[in-house]
Amino acid sequence: MFVTVARVGDIPPGTARQVTVGDRWVGLFNVNGEYHAVDNVCLHRGGPLCEGSVGGTIVTCPWHGWQFDPSTGKAVQVPDAGVQVYRLVIDGDSVFVDS
């Protein structure tokens, strides 16, 4: 089931926001105009990924600098590890994430 988490334009390119989907914290990222939704908890020490910087196609955790590709969830430092990616749909001006 998809839930509405934002409106297109609420999150400008190069920024992110934490949204709640069910009982999970999800980071909603706008990377070069494309939206991505991933677990908002860094694998390293649990930092809030959406509070980190978005540079190009990489999100950097604000706590210790771990980096992730929000389109795949893969960690740059440990390519075999990653955060969960959630299905996302844009319909009109609404952004929906699969719960």
C-alpha atoms as a PDB file:
ATOM      1  CA  MET A   1       0.000   0.000   0.000  1.00  0.00           C
ATOM      2  CA  PHE A   2       1.357   3.415  -0.949  1.00  0.00           C
ATOM      3  CA  VAL A   3       1.060   6.415   1.381  1.00  0.00           C
ATOM      4  CA  THR A   4       1.382  10.102   0.528  1.00  0.00           C
ATOM      5  CA  VAL A   5       4.577  11.541   2.025  1.00  0.00           C
ATOM      6  CA  ALA A   6       5.117  14.864   0.219  1.00  0.00           C
ATOM      7  CA  ARG A   7       4.226  17.049  -2.704  1.00  0.00           C
ATOM      8  CA  VAL A   8       6.499  17.478  -5.699  1.00  0.00           C
ATOM      9  CA  GLY A   9       8.420  20.678  -5.053  1.00  0.00           C
ATOM     10  CA  ASP A  10       8.381  20.322  -1.246  1.00  0.00           C
ATOM     11  CA  ILE A  11      11.902  18.929  -1.430  1.00  0.00           C
ATOM     12  CA  PRO A  12      14.123  20.914  -3.807  1.00  0.00           C
ATOM     13  CA  PRO A  13      16.881  19.132  -5.783  1.00  0.00           C
ATOM     14  CA  GLY A  14      19.877  18.342  -3.599  1.00  0.00           C
ATOM     15  CA  THR A  15      17.863  18.134  -0.371  1.00  0.00           C
ATOM     16  CA  ALA A  16      16.051  15.548   1.717  1.00  0.00           C
ATOM     17  CA  ARG A  17      13.414  15.136   4.386  1.00  0.00           C
ATOM     18  CA  GLN A  18      12.537  12.460   6.907  1.00  0.00           C
ATOM     19  CA  VAL A  19       9.049  11.021   6.488  1.00  0.00           C
ATOM     20  CA  THR A  20       7.233   8.367   8.475  1.00  0.00           C
ATOM     21  CA  VAL A  21       5.905   5.362   6.588  1.00  0.00           C
ATOM     22  CA  GLY A  22       4.104   3.002   8.935  1.00  0.00           C
ATOM     23  CA  ASP A  23       6.510   2.574  11.841  1.00  0.00           C
ATOM     24  CA  ARG A  24       9.658   3.359   9.810  1.00  0.00           C
ATOM     25  CA  TRP A  25      11.697   6.501   9.349  1.00  0.00           C
ATOM     26  CA  VAL A  26      12.326   6.938   5.656  1.00  0.00           C
ATOM     27  CA  GLY A  27      14.667   9.445   4.039  1.00  0.00           C
ATOM     28  CA  LEU A  28      13.061  11.051   1.001  1.00  0.00           C
ATOM     29  CA  PHE A  29      15.738  12.474  -1.311  1.00  0.00           C
ATOM     30  CA  ASN A  30      15.570  14.660  -4.389  1.00  0.00           C
ATOM     31  CA  VAL A  31      18.681  13.846  -6.403  1.00  0.00           C
ATOM     32  CA  ASN A  32      18.898  15.973  -9.530  1.00  0.00           C
ATOM     33  CA  GLY A  33      15.100  16.122  -9.763  1.00  0.00           C
ATOM     34  CA  GLU A  34      14.554  12.397  -9.117  1.00  0.00           C
ATOM     35  CA  TYR A  35      12.982  11.278  -5.856  1.00  0.00           C
ATOM     36  CA  HIS A  36      14.304   8.297  -3.892  1.00  0.00           C
ATOM     37  CA  ALA A  37      13.172   6.746  -0.598  1.00  0.00           C
ATOM     38  CA  VAL A  38      15.511   4.737   1.644  1.00  0.00           C
ATOM     39  CA  ASP A  39      15.830   3.781   5.312  1.00  0.00           C
ATOM     40  CA  ASN A  40      16.852   6.949   7.106  1.00  0.00           C
ATOM     41  CA  VAL A  41      19.255   5.186   9.480  1.00  0.00           C
ATOM     42  CA  CYS A  42      22.935   4.942   8.539  1.00  0.00           C
ATOM     43  CA  LEU A  43      24.396   1.440   8.811  1.00  0.00           C
ATOM     44  CA  HIS A  44      27.534   2.713  10.540  1.00  0.00           C
ATOM     45  CA  ARG A  45      26.204   4.313  13.726  1.00  0.00           C
ATOM     46  CA  GLY A  46      22.529   5.036  13.075  1.00  0.00           C
ATOM     47  CA  GLY A  47      22.904   8.619  11.887  1.00  0.00           C
ATOM     48  CA  PRO A  48      19.968  10.354  10.166  1.00  0.00           C
ATOM     49  CA  LEU A  49      20.815  10.162   6.465  1.00  0.00           C
ATOM     50  CA  CYS A  50      18.327  12.857   5.466  1.00  0.00           C
ATOM     51  CA  GLU A  51      20.264  15.387   7.554  1.00  0.00           C
ATOM     52  CA  GLY A  52      23.411  14.728   5.542  1.00  0.00           C
ATOM     53  CA  SER A  53      24.573  16.384   2.363  1.00  0.00           C
ATOM     54  CA  VAL A  54      23.418  15.384  -1.107  1.00  0.00           C
ATOM     55  CA  GLY A  55      26.172  15.742  -3.679  1.00  0.00           C
ATOM     56  CA  GLY A  56      25.639  14.477  -7.193  1.00  0.00           C
ATOM     57  CA  THR A  57      24.112  11.035  -6.705  1.00  0.00           C
ATOM     58  CA  ILE A  58      25.592  10.411  -3.240  1.00  0.00           C
ATOM     59  CA  VAL A  59      24.201  11.107   0.226  1.00  0.00           C
ATOM     60  CA  THR A  60      26.739  11.567   3.031  1.00  0.00           C
ATOM     61  CA  CYS A  61      25.743  10.761   6.610  1.00  0.00           C
ATOM     62  CA  PRO A  62      26.217  13.813   8.850  1.00  0.00           C
ATOM     63  CA  TRP A  63      27.642  11.820  11.760  1.00  0.00           C
ATOM     64  CA  HIS A  64      30.669   9.973  10.355  1.00  0.00           C
ATOM     65  CA  GLY A  65      30.685  10.524   6.615  1.00  0.00           C
ATOM     66  CA  TRP A  66      29.434   7.184   5.346  1.00  0.00           C
ATOM     67  CA  GLN A  67      28.088   7.558   1.841  1.00  0.00           C
ATOM     68  CA  PHE A  68      25.134   5.939   0.080  1.00  0.00           C
ATOM     69  CA  ASP A  69      23.573   5.976  -3.357  1.00  0.00           C
ATOM     70  CA  PRO A  70      19.882   6.614  -2.632  1.00  0.00           C
ATOM     71  CA  SER A  71      18.803   5.088  -5.954  1.00  0.00           C
ATOM     72  CA  THR A  72      20.231   1.677  -4.981  1.00  0.00           C
ATOM     73  CA  GLY A  73      20.744   2.000  -1.209  1.00  0.00           C
ATOM     74  CA  LYS A  74      24.322   0.715  -1.621  1.00  0.00           C
ATOM     75  CA  ALA A  75      27.025   1.982   0.717  1.00  0.00           C
ATOM     76  CA  VAL A  76      30.042   3.454  -1.047  1.00  0.00           C
ATOM     77  CA  GLN A  77      32.471   2.207   1.634  1.00  0.00           C
ATOM     78  CA  VAL A  78      31.013  -1.313   1.735  1.00  0.00           C
ATOM     79  CA  PRO A  79      29.388  -2.117  -1.637  1.00  0.00           C
ATOM     80  CA  ASP A  80      27.952  -5.412  -0.338  1.00  0.00           C
ATOM     81  CA  ALA A  81      25.972  -3.487   2.311  1.00  0.00           C
ATOM     82  CA  GLY A  82      23.230  -0.961   1.998  1.00  0.00           C
ATOM     83  CA  VAL A  83      20.036   0.542   3.332  1.00  0.00           C
ATOM     84  CA  GLN A  84      16.621  -0.606   2.185  1.00  0.00           C
ATOM     85  CA  VAL A  85      15.145   1.181  -0.821  1.00  0.00           C
ATOM     86  CA  TYR A  86      11.386   1.719  -0.912  1.00  0.00           C
ATOM     87  CA  ARG A  87       9.225   1.845  -4.019  1.00  0.00           C
ATOM     88  CA  LEU A  88       8.118   5.361  -4.813  1.00  0.00           C
ATOM     89  CA  VAL A  89       5.465   6.711  -7.161  1.00  0.00           C
ATOM     90  CA  ILE A  90       4.723  10.242  -8.272  1.00  0.00           C
ATOM     91  CA  ASP A  91       1.129  10.862  -9.310  1.00  0.00           C
ATOM     92  CA  GLY A  92       0.274  14.419 -10.248  1.00  0.00           C
ATOM     93  CA  ASP A  93       2.012  16.537  -7.639  1.00  0.00           C
ATOM     94  CA  SER A  94       1.962  13.897  -4.885  1.00  0.00           C
ATOM     95  CA  VAL A  95       4.851  11.643  -3.837  1.00  0.00           C
ATOM     96  CA  PHE A  96       3.853   8.201  -2.539  1.00  0.00           C
ATOM     97  CA  VAL A  97       6.073   5.625  -0.813  1.00  0.00           C
ATOM     98  CA  ASP A  98       5.233   1.929  -0.480  1.00  0.00           C
ATOM     99  CA  SER A  99       4.489   0.973   3.091  1.00  0.00           C
END
